[in-house]
PDB file of N, CA and C in Angstrom:
ATOM      1  N   MET A   1      33.498 -32.674 -69.484  1.00  0.00           N
ATOM      2  CA  MET A   1      32.137 -32.335 -69.849  1.00  0.00           C
ATOM      3  C   MET A   1      32.166 -31.072 -70.692  1.00  0.00           C
ATOM      4  N   VAL A   2      31.527 -31.125 -71.799  1.00  0.00           N
ATOM      5  CA  VAL A   2      31.329 -29.947 -72.631  1.00  0.00           C
ATOM      6  C   VAL A   2      29.827 -29.682 -72.638  1.00  0.00           C
ATOM      7  N   GLY A   3      29.436 -28.527 -72.145  1.00  0.00           N
ATOM      8  CA  GLY A   3      28.014 -28.214 -72.063  1.00  0.00           C
ATOM      9  C   GLY A   3      27.800 -26.725 -72.133  1.00  0.00           C
ATOM     10  N   VAL A   4      26.554 -26.338 -72.135  1.00  0.00           N
ATOM     11  CA  VAL A   4      26.202 -24.934 -72.212  1.00  0.00           C
ATOM     12  C   VAL A   4      25.427 -24.546 -70.955  1.00  0.00           C
ATOM     13  N   GLY A   5      25.865 -23.474 -70.291  1.00  0.00           N
ATOM     14  CA  GLY A   5      25.150 -22.964 -69.134  1.00  0.00           C
ATOM     15  C   GLY A   5      25.043 -23.981 -68.019  1.00  0.00           C
ATOM     16  N   THR A   6      23.933 -23.902 -67.307  1.00  0.00           N
ATOM     17  CA  THR A   6      23.765 -24.768 -66.150  1.00  0.00           C
ATOM     18  C   THR A   6      23.531 -26.219 -66.538  1.00  0.00           C
ATOM     19  N   SER A   7      23.122 -26.481 -67.772  1.00  0.00           N
ATOM     20  CA  SER A   7      22.922 -27.876 -68.190  1.00  0.00           C
ATOM     21  C   SER A   7      24.225 -28.662 -68.093  1.00  0.00           C
ATOM     22  N   GLY A   8      25.309 -28.073 -68.532  1.00  0.00           N
ATOM     23  CA  GLY A   8      26.612 -28.736 -68.432  1.00  0.00           C
ATOM     24  C   GLY A   8      26.984 -29.007 -66.988  1.00  0.00           C
ATOM     25  N   HIS A   9      26.704 -28.047 -66.110  1.00  0.00           N
ATOM     26  CA  HIS A   9      26.992 -28.230 -64.691  1.00  0.00           C
ATOM     27  C   HIS A   9      26.103 -29.311 -64.085  1.00  0.00           C
ATOM     28  N   ASP A  10      24.832 -29.318 -64.460  1.00  0.00           N
ATOM     29  CA  ASP A  10      23.903 -30.324 -63.925  1.00  0.00           C
ATOM     30  C   ASP A  10      24.317 -31.733 -64.314  1.00  0.00           C
ATOM     31  N   VAL A  11      24.668 -31.923 -65.572  1.00  0.00           N
ATOM     32  CA  VAL A  11      25.073 -33.256 -66.039  1.00  0.00           C
ATOM     33  C   VAL A  11      26.370 -33.668 -65.354  1.00  0.00           C
ATOM     34  N   THR A  12      27.311 -32.730 -65.238  1.00  0.00           N
ATOM     35  CA  THR A  12      28.584 -33.028 -64.581  1.00  0.00           C
ATOM     36  C   THR A  12      28.363 -33.428 -63.128  1.00  0.00           C
ATOM     37  N   GLN A  13      27.498 -32.698 -62.425  1.00  0.00           N
ATOM     38  CA  GLN A  13      27.216 -33.022 -61.035  1.00  0.00           C
ATOM     39  C   GLN A  13      26.579 -34.407 -60.924  1.00  0.00           C
ATOM     40  N   ASP A  14      25.624 -34.703 -61.790  1.00  0.00           N
ATOM     41  CA  ASP A  14      24.977 -36.016 -61.762  1.00  0.00           C
ATOM     42  C   ASP A  14      25.986 -37.143 -61.980  1.00  0.00           C
ATOM     43  N   LEU A  15      26.884 -36.958 -62.934  1.00  0.00           N
ATOM     44  CA  LEU A  15      27.896 -37.984 -63.200  1.00  0.00           C
ATOM     45  C   LEU A  15      28.828 -38.165 -62.004  1.00  0.00           C
ATOM     46  N   ALA A  16      29.222 -37.059 -61.388  1.00  0.00           N
ATOM     47  CA  ALA A  16      30.136 -37.134 -60.247  1.00  0.00           C
ATOM     48  C   ALA A  16      29.471 -37.758 -59.032  1.00  0.00           C
ATOM     49  N   VAL A  17      28.249 -37.329 -58.721  1.00  0.00           N
ATOM     50  CA  VAL A  17      27.543 -37.830 -57.540  1.00  0.00           C
ATOM     51  C   VAL A  17      27.215 -39.313 -57.674  1.00  0.00           C
ATOM     52  N   SER A  18      26.855 -39.728 -58.873  1.00  0.00           N
ATOM     53  CA  SER A  18      26.484 -41.139 -59.075  1.00  0.00           C
ATOM     54  C   SER A  18      27.707 -42.050 -59.153  1.00  0.00           C
ATOM     55  N   GLY A  19      28.902 -41.458 -59.289  1.00  0.00           N
ATOM     56  CA  GLY A  19      30.109 -42.263 -59.399  1.00  0.00           C
ATOM     57  C   GLY A  19      30.304 -42.856 -60.781  1.00  0.00           C
ATOM     58  N   THR A  20      29.504 -42.415 -61.739  1.00  0.00           N
ATOM     59  CA  THR A  20      29.576 -42.933 -63.098  1.00  0.00           C
ATOM     60  C   THR A  20      30.890 -42.571 -63.775  1.00  0.00           C
ATOM     61  N   ALA A  21      31.403 -41.386 -63.474  1.00  0.00           N
ATOM     62  CA  ALA A  21      32.616 -40.935 -64.151  1.00  0.00           C
ATOM     63  C   ALA A  21      33.353 -39.926 -63.301  1.00  0.00           C
ATOM     64  N   GLU A  22      34.653 -39.817 -63.543  1.00  0.00           N
ATOM     65  CA  GLU A  22      35.435 -38.736 -62.971  1.00  0.00           C
ATOM     66  C   GLU A  22      35.319 -37.582 -63.955  1.00  0.00           C
ATOM     67  N   VAL A  23      34.891 -36.427 -63.501  1.00  0.00           N
ATOM     68  CA  VAL A  23      34.562 -35.339 -64.414  1.00  0.00           C
ATOM     69  C   VAL A  23      35.312 -34.059 -64.089  1.00  0.00           C
ATOM     70  N   SER A  24      35.430 -33.211 -65.088  1.00  0.00           N
ATOM     71  CA  SER A  24      35.992 -31.871 -64.952  1.00  0.00           C
ATOM     72  C   SER A  24      35.128 -30.914 -65.747  1.00  0.00           C
ATOM     73  N   ILE A  25      35.110 -29.666 -65.306  1.00  0.00           N
ATOM     74  CA  ILE A  25      34.370 -28.625 -66.018  1.00  0.00           C
ATOM     75  C   ILE A  25      35.364 -27.557 -66.459  1.00  0.00           C
ATOM     76  N   ILE A  26      35.265 -27.167 -67.699  1.00  0.00           N
ATOM     77  CA  ILE A  26      36.029 -26.036 -68.230  1.00  0.00           C
ATOM     78  C   ILE A  26      35.013 -25.024 -68.717  1.00  0.00           C
ATOM     79  N   GLN A  27      35.177 -23.766 -68.293  1.00  0.00           N
ATOM     80  CA  GLN A  27      34.215 -22.750 -68.693  1.00  0.00           C
ATOM     81  C   GLN A  27      34.929 -21.443 -68.995  1.00  0.00           C
ATOM     82  N   ASN A  28      34.228 -20.544 -69.680  1.00  0.00           N
ATOM     83  CA  ASN A  28      34.817 -19.283 -70.116  1.00  0.00           C
ATOM     84  C   ASN A  28      34.815 -18.190 -69.060  1.00  0.00           C
ATOM     85  N   GLY A  29      33.865 -18.223 -68.127  1.00  0.00           N
ATOM     86  CA  GLY A  29      33.747 -17.138 -67.165  1.00  0.00           C
ATOM     87  C   GLY A  29      33.542 -17.659 -65.758  1.00  0.00           C
ATOM     88  N   PRO A  30      33.432 -16.730 -64.799  1.00  0.00           N
ATOM     89  CA  PRO A  30      33.270 -17.122 -63.398  1.00  0.00           C
ATOM     90  C   PRO A  30      31.900 -17.721 -63.120  1.00  0.00           C
ATOM     91  N   THR A  31      31.823 -18.462 -62.030  1.00  0.00           N
ATOM     92  CA  THR A  31      30.582 -19.080 -61.583  1.00  0.00           C
ATOM     93  C   THR A  31      30.242 -18.543 -60.204  1.00  0.00           C
ATOM     94  N   LEU A  32      28.982 -18.239 -59.988  1.00  0.00           N
ATOM     95  CA  LEU A  32      28.503 -17.863 -58.666  1.00  0.00           C
ATOM     96  C   LEU A  32      27.777 -19.062 -58.092  1.00  0.00           C
ATOM     97  N   VAL A  33      28.301 -19.611 -56.998  1.00  0.00           N
ATOM     98  CA  VAL A  33      27.703 -20.780 -56.374  1.00  0.00           C
ATOM     99  C   VAL A  33      26.886 -20.312 -55.181  1.00  0.00           C
ATOM    100  N   VAL A  34      25.620 -20.661 -55.164  1.00  0.00           N
ATOM    101  CA  VAL A  34      24.744 -20.289 -54.055  1.00  0.00           C
ATOM    102  C   VAL A  34      23.998 -21.520 -53.568  1.00  0.00           C
ATOM    103  N   SER A  35      23.484 -21.433 -52.350  1.00  0.00           N
ATOM    104  CA  SER A  35      22.696 -22.531 -51.821  1.00  0.00           C
ATOM    105  C   SER A  35      21.340 -22.556 -52.514  1.00  0.00           C
ATOM    106  N   LEU A  36      20.659 -23.660 -52.380  1.00  0.00           N
ATOM    107  CA  LEU A  36      19.327 -23.788 -52.970  1.00  0.00           C
ATOM    108  C   LEU A  36      18.384 -22.725 -52.402  1.00  0.00           C
ATOM    109  N   LYS A  37      18.488 -22.470 -51.100  1.00  0.00           N
ATOM    110  CA  LYS A  37      17.639 -21.454 -50.464  1.00  0.00           C
ATOM    111  C   LYS A  37      17.850 -20.090 -51.117  1.00  0.00           C
ATOM    112  N   GLU A  38      19.099 -19.708 -51.347  1.00  0.00           N
ATOM    113  CA  GLU A  38      19.396 -18.421 -51.979  1.00  0.00           C
ATOM    114  C   GLU A  38      18.919 -18.396 -53.425  1.00  0.00           C
ATOM    115  N   ALA A  39      19.098 -19.492 -54.118  1.00  0.00           N
ATOM    116  CA  ALA A  39      18.695 -19.549 -55.526  1.00  0.00           C
ATOM    117  C   ALA A  39      17.182 -19.428 -55.683  1.00  0.00           C
ATOM    118  N   GLN A  40      16.442 -19.897 -54.688  1.00  0.00           N
ATOM    119  CA  GLN A  40      14.984 -19.851 -54.765  1.00  0.00           C
ATOM    120  C   GLN A  40      14.398 -18.542 -54.255  1.00  0.00           C
ATOM    121  N   ALA A  41      15.212 -17.665 -53.685  1.00  0.00           N
ATOM    122  CA  ALA A  41      14.718 -16.410 -53.106  1.00  0.00           C
ATOM    123  C   ALA A  41      13.854 -15.588 -54.067  1.00  0.00           C
ATOM    124  N   PRO A  42      14.226 -15.461 -55.349  1.00  0.00           N
ATOM    125  CA  PRO A  42      13.385 -14.665 -56.248  1.00  0.00           C
ATOM    126  C   PRO A  42      11.987 -15.257 -56.453  1.00  0.00           C
ATOM    127  N   TYR A  43      11.811 -16.509 -56.098  1.00  0.00           N
ATOM    128  CA  TYR A  43      10.531 -17.188 -56.337  1.00  0.00           C
ATOM    129  C   TYR A  43       9.738 -17.395 -55.049  1.00  0.00           C
ATOM    130  N   ALA A  44      10.099 -16.673 -53.983  1.00  0.00           N
ATOM    131  CA  ALA A  44       9.422 -16.812 -52.687  1.00  0.00           C
ATOM    132  C   ALA A  44       7.934 -16.512 -52.793  1.00  0.00           C
ATOM    133  N   LEU A  45       7.567 -15.689 -53.744  1.00  0.00           N
ATOM    134  CA  LEU A  45       6.161 -15.357 -53.952  1.00  0.00           C
ATOM    135  C   LEU A  45       5.318 -16.620 -54.132  1.00  0.00           C
ATOM    136  N   TYR A  46       5.906 -17.634 -54.762  1.00  0.00           N
ATOM    137  CA  TYR A  46       5.167 -18.870 -55.033  1.00  0.00           C
ATOM    138  C   TYR A  46       4.908 -19.692 -53.767  1.00  0.00           C
ATOM    139  N   ASP A  47       5.555 -19.330 -52.657  1.00  0.00           N
ATOM    140  CA  ASP A  47       5.300 -20.005 -51.384  1.00  0.00           C
ATOM    141  C   ASP A  47       4.110 -19.406 -50.653  1.00  0.00           C
ATOM    142  N   GLU A  48       3.618 -18.277 -51.149  1.00  0.00           N
ATOM    143  CA  GLU A  48       2.472 -17.620 -50.521  1.00  0.00           C
ATOM    144  C   GLU A  48       1.177 -18.318 -50.938  1.00  0.00           C
ATOM    145  N   ASP A  49       0.095 -17.908 -50.331  1.00  0.00           N
ATOM    146  CA  ASP A  49      -1.201 -18.546 -50.581  1.00  0.00           C
ATOM    147  C   ASP A  49      -1.922 -17.885 -51.765  1.00  0.00           C
ATOM    148  N   PHE A  50      -1.265 -17.920 -52.925  1.00  0.00           N
ATOM    149  CA  PHE A  50      -1.835 -17.387 -54.166  1.00  0.00           C
ATOM    150  C   PHE A  50      -1.848 -18.504 -55.203  1.00  0.00           C
ATOM    151  N   SER A  51      -2.710 -18.377 -56.182  1.00  0.00           N
ATOM    152  CA  SER A  51      -2.713 -19.361 -57.267  1.00  0.00           C
ATOM    153  C   SER A  51      -1.449 -19.165 -58.116  1.00  0.00           C
ATOM    154  N   PHE A  52      -1.044 -20.210 -58.829  1.00  0.00           N
ATOM    155  CA  PHE A  52       0.112 -20.093 -59.716  1.00  0.00           C
ATOM    156  C   PHE A  52      -0.128 -19.023 -60.777  1.00  0.00           C
ATOM    157  N   GLU A  53      -1.353 -18.938 -61.249  1.00  0.00           N
ATOM    158  CA  GLU A  53      -1.675 -17.944 -62.277  1.00  0.00           C
ATOM    159  C   GLU A  53      -1.445 -16.531 -61.749  1.00  0.00           C
ATOM    160  N   ASP A  54      -1.871 -16.271 -60.495  1.00  0.00           N
ATOM    161  CA  ASP A  54      -1.661 -14.944 -59.908  1.00  0.00           C
ATOM    162  C   ASP A  54      -0.174 -14.673 -59.679  1.00  0.00           C
ATOM    163  N   CYS A  55       0.553 -15.681 -59.200  1.00  0.00           N
ATOM    164  CA  CYS A  55       1.993 -15.520 -58.995  1.00  0.00           C
ATOM    165  C   CYS A  55       2.693 -15.235 -60.321  1.00  0.00           C
ATOM    166  N   ASP A  56       2.320 -15.974 -61.362  1.00  0.00           N
ATOM    167  CA  ASP A  56       2.907 -15.737 -62.681  1.00  0.00           C
ATOM    168  C   ASP A  56       2.625 -14.318 -63.157  1.00  0.00           C
ATOM    169  N   LEU A  57       1.404 -13.857 -62.964  1.00  0.00           N
ATOM    170  CA  LEU A  57       1.043 -12.501 -63.380  1.00  0.00           C
ATOM    171  C   LEU A  57       1.866 -11.464 -62.626  1.00  0.00           C
ATOM    172  N   LEU A  58       1.990 -11.642 -61.319  1.00  0.00           N
ATOM    173  CA  LEU A  58       2.790 -10.705 -60.524  1.00  0.00           C
ATOM    174  C   LEU A  58       4.267 -10.758 -60.925  1.00  0.00           C
ATOM    175  N   ALA A  59       4.785 -11.959 -61.102  1.00  0.00           N
ATOM    176  CA  ALA A  59       6.202 -12.122 -61.425  1.00  0.00           C
ATOM    177  C   ALA A  59       6.555 -11.528 -62.785  1.00  0.00           C
ATOM    178  N   THR A  60       5.639 -11.582 -63.724  1.00  0.00           N
ATOM    179  CA  THR A  60       5.935 -11.080 -65.071  1.00  0.00           C
ATOM    180  C   THR A  60       5.458  -9.657 -65.294  1.00  0.00           C
ATOM    181  N   SER A  61       4.880  -9.035 -64.272  1.00  0.00           N
ATOM    182  CA  SER A  61       4.339  -7.687 -64.448  1.00  0.00           C
ATOM    183  C   SER A  61       5.384  -6.592 -64.267  1.00  0.00           C
ATOM    184  N   PHE A  62       6.550  -6.933 -63.717  1.00  0.00           N
ATOM    185  CA  PHE A  62       7.578  -5.926 -63.521  1.00  0.00           C
ATOM    186  C   PHE A  62       8.279  -5.605 -64.832  1.00  0.00           C
ATOM    187  N   PRO A  63       8.541  -4.325 -65.100  1.00  0.00           N
ATOM    188  CA  PRO A  63       9.349  -3.981 -66.288  1.00  0.00           C
ATOM    189  C   PRO A  63      10.728  -4.619 -66.166  1.00  0.00           C
ATOM    190  N   TYR A  64      11.290  -5.011 -67.288  1.00  0.00           N
ATOM    191  CA  TYR A  64      12.563  -5.746 -67.273  1.00  0.00           C
ATOM    192  C   TYR A  64      13.663  -5.025 -66.493  1.00  0.00           C
ATOM    193  N   PRO A  65      13.859  -3.702 -66.638  1.00  0.00           N
ATOM    194  CA  PRO A  65      14.937  -3.052 -65.871  1.00  0.00           C
ATOM    195  C   PRO A  65      14.781  -3.226 -64.348  1.00  0.00           C
ATOM    196  N   ILE A  66      13.562  -3.199 -63.855  1.00  0.00           N
ATOM    197  CA  ILE A  66      13.331  -3.394 -62.420  1.00  0.00           C
ATOM    198  C   ILE A  66      13.614  -4.847 -62.041  1.00  0.00           C
ATOM    199  N   TYR A  67      13.148  -5.757 -62.852  1.00  0.00           N
ATOM    200  CA  TYR A  67      13.395  -7.190 -62.632  1.00  0.00           C
ATOM    201  C   TYR A  67      14.898  -7.469 -62.599  1.00  0.00           C
ATOM    202  N   SER A  68      15.610  -6.899 -63.541  1.00  0.00           N
ATOM    203  CA  SER A  68      17.056  -7.091 -63.628  1.00  0.00           C
ATOM    204  C   SER A  68      17.750  -6.529 -62.384  1.00  0.00           C
ATOM    205  N   ARG A  69      17.373  -5.327 -61.960  1.00  0.00           N
ATOM    206  CA  ARG A  69      17.978  -4.727 -60.758  1.00  0.00           C
ATOM    207  C   ARG A  69      17.686  -5.552 -59.509  1.00  0.00           C
ATOM    208  N   SER A  70      16.495  -6.130 -59.421  1.00  0.00           N
ATOM    209  CA  SER A  70      16.179  -6.938 -58.232  1.00  0.00           C
ATOM    210  C   SER A  70      17.072  -8.176 -58.169  1.00  0.00           C
ATOM    211  N   HIS A  71      17.351  -8.786 -59.311  1.00  0.00           N
ATOM    212  CA  HIS A  71      18.248  -9.958 -59.325  1.00  0.00           C
ATOM    213  C   HIS A  71      19.684  -9.543 -59.029  1.00  0.00           C
ATOM    214  N   GLN A  72      20.088  -8.372 -59.512  1.00  0.00           N
ATOM    215  CA  GLN A  72      21.425  -7.877 -59.191  1.00  0.00           C
ATOM    216  C   GLN A  72      21.558  -7.634 -57.689  1.00  0.00           C
ATOM    217  N   HIS A  73      20.508  -7.077 -57.091  1.00  0.00           N
ATOM    218  CA  HIS A  73      20.506  -6.838 -55.642  1.00  0.00           C
ATOM    219  C   HIS A  73      20.621  -8.163 -54.879  1.00  0.00           C
ATOM    220  N   LEU A  74      19.850  -9.167 -55.280  1.00  0.00           N
ATOM    221  CA  LEU A  74      19.912 -10.467 -54.610  1.00  0.00           C
ATOM    222  C   LEU A  74      21.291 -11.110 -54.757  1.00  0.00           C
ATOM    223  N   THR A  75      21.906 -10.941 -55.923  1.00  0.00           N
ATOM    224  CA  THR A  75      23.235 -11.497 -56.152  1.00  0.00           C
ATOM    225  C   THR A  75      24.250 -10.849 -55.221  1.00  0.00           C
ATOM    226  N   LYS A  76      24.197  -9.508 -55.092  1.00  0.00           N
ATOM    227  CA  LYS A  76      25.113  -8.811 -54.188  1.00  0.00           C
ATOM    228  C   LYS A  76      24.850  -9.210 -52.735  1.00  0.00           C
ATOM    229  N   LYS A  77      23.590  -9.347 -52.377  1.00  0.00           N
ATOM    230  CA  LYS A  77      23.219  -9.727 -51.016  1.00  0.00           C
ATOM    231  C   LYS A  77      23.762 -11.109 -50.674  1.00  0.00           C
ATOM    232  N   ASN A  78      23.744 -12.008 -51.629  1.00  0.00           N
ATOM    233  CA  ASN A  78      24.188 -13.379 -51.395  1.00  0.00           C
ATOM    234  C   ASN A  78      25.696 -13.562 -51.533  1.00  0.00           C
ATOM    235  N   ALA A  79      26.404 -12.542 -51.969  1.00  0.00           N
ATOM    236  CA  ALA A  79      27.844 -12.673 -52.214  1.00  0.00           C
ATOM    237  C   ALA A  79      28.598 -13.066 -50.947  1.00  0.00           C
ATOM    238  N   GLY A  80      28.231 -12.533 -49.795  1.00  0.00           N
ATOM    239  CA  GLY A  80      28.902 -12.882 -48.544  1.00  0.00           C
ATOM    240  C   GLY A  80      28.719 -14.340 -48.196  1.00  0.00           C
ATOM    241  N   THR A  81      27.526 -14.852 -48.373  1.00  0.00           N
ATOM    242  CA  THR A  81      27.241 -16.258 -48.102  1.00  0.00           C
ATOM    243  C   THR A  81      27.991 -17.143 -49.079  1.00  0.00           C
ATOM    244  N   THR A  82      28.046 -16.706 -50.336  1.00  0.00           N
ATOM    245  CA  THR A  82      28.748 -17.464 -51.362  1.00  0.00           C
ATOM    246  C   THR A  82      30.226 -17.580 -51.014  1.00  0.00           C
ATOM    247  N   TYR A  83      30.808 -16.478 -50.536  1.00  0.00           N
ATOM    248  CA  TYR A  83      32.210 -16.506 -50.152  1.00  0.00           C
ATOM    249  C   TYR A  83      32.433 -17.531 -49.042  1.00  0.00           C
ATOM    250  N   CYS A  84      31.538 -17.544 -48.046  1.00  0.00           N
ATOM    251  CA  CYS A  84      31.662 -18.498 -46.947  1.00  0.00           C
ATOM    252  C   CYS A  84      31.568 -19.929 -47.468  1.00  0.00           C
ATOM    253  N   LEU A  85      30.680 -20.164 -48.423  1.00  0.00           N
ATOM    254  CA  LEU A  85      30.533 -21.492 -49.009  1.00  0.00           C
ATOM    255  C   LEU A  85      31.826 -21.916 -49.687  1.00  0.00           C
ATOM    256  N   ARG A  86      32.427 -21.025 -50.459  1.00  0.00           N
ATOM    257  CA  ARG A  86      33.694 -21.354 -51.136  1.00  0.00           C
ATOM    258  C   ARG A  86      34.794 -21.600 -50.127  1.00  0.00           C
ATOM    259  N   ALA A  87      34.854 -20.766 -49.074  1.00  0.00           N
ATOM    260  CA  ALA A  87      35.897 -20.917 -48.069  1.00  0.00           C
ATOM    261  C   ALA A  87      35.746 -22.251 -47.336  1.00  0.00           C
ATOM    262  N   SER A  88      34.512 -22.642 -47.027  1.00  0.00           N
ATOM    263  CA  SER A  88      34.325 -23.907 -46.305  1.00  0.00           C
ATOM    264  C   SER A  88      34.677 -25.090 -47.197  1.00  0.00           C
ATOM    265  N   ARG A  89      34.404 -24.996 -48.487  1.00  0.00           N
ATOM    266  CA  ARG A  89      34.789 -26.085 -49.392  1.00  0.00           C
ATOM    267  C   ARG A  89      36.293 -26.187 -49.517  1.00  0.00           C
ATOM    268  N   SER A  90      36.980 -25.029 -49.569  1.00  0.00           N
ATOM    269  CA  SER A  90      38.435 -25.040 -49.650  1.00  0.00           C
ATOM    270  C   SER A  90      39.035 -25.658 -48.405  1.00  0.00           C
ATOM    271  N   ALA A  91      38.481 -25.308 -47.243  1.00  0.00           N
ATOM    272  CA  ALA A  91      38.987 -25.848 -45.981  1.00  0.00           C
ATOM    273  C   ALA A  91      38.742 -27.346 -45.891  1.00  0.00           C
ATOM    274  N   ALA A  92      37.611 -27.793 -46.393  1.00  0.00           N
ATOM    275  CA  ALA A  92      37.268 -29.220 -46.332  1.00  0.00           C
ATOM    276  C   ALA A  92      38.182 -30.052 -47.206  1.00  0.00           C
ATOM    277  N   SER A  93      38.656 -29.464 -48.322  1.00  0.00           N
ATOM    278  CA  SER A  93      39.486 -30.239 -49.236  1.00  0.00           C
ATOM    279  C   SER A  93      40.960 -30.223 -48.818  1.00  0.00           C
ATOM    280  N   SER A  94      41.318 -29.416 -47.802  1.00  0.00           N
ATOM    281  CA  SER A  94      42.717 -29.322 -47.353  1.00  0.00           C
ATOM    282  C   SER A  94      43.104 -30.507 -46.499  1.00  0.00           C
TER     283      SER A  94
END
């Protein structure tokens, strides 16, 4: 599979899960694998009892440096869980 960003990963996963093809991914840098719950953490605001318009306004009202730091914090927070996920996959394939 030759793709860009997560689109390449999404297509590769779909092909593998459906059994359509045996696939491999080659990429230039590391990948951080997180659970769906962790990936959705930055968007928890949308689970509250607010309109989408209000959530969008709140989500986009932060200055970019603060927004960037919050995602960096979430990434570091999830690193331990990510390690466990990788370790369990390695053990399962042994």
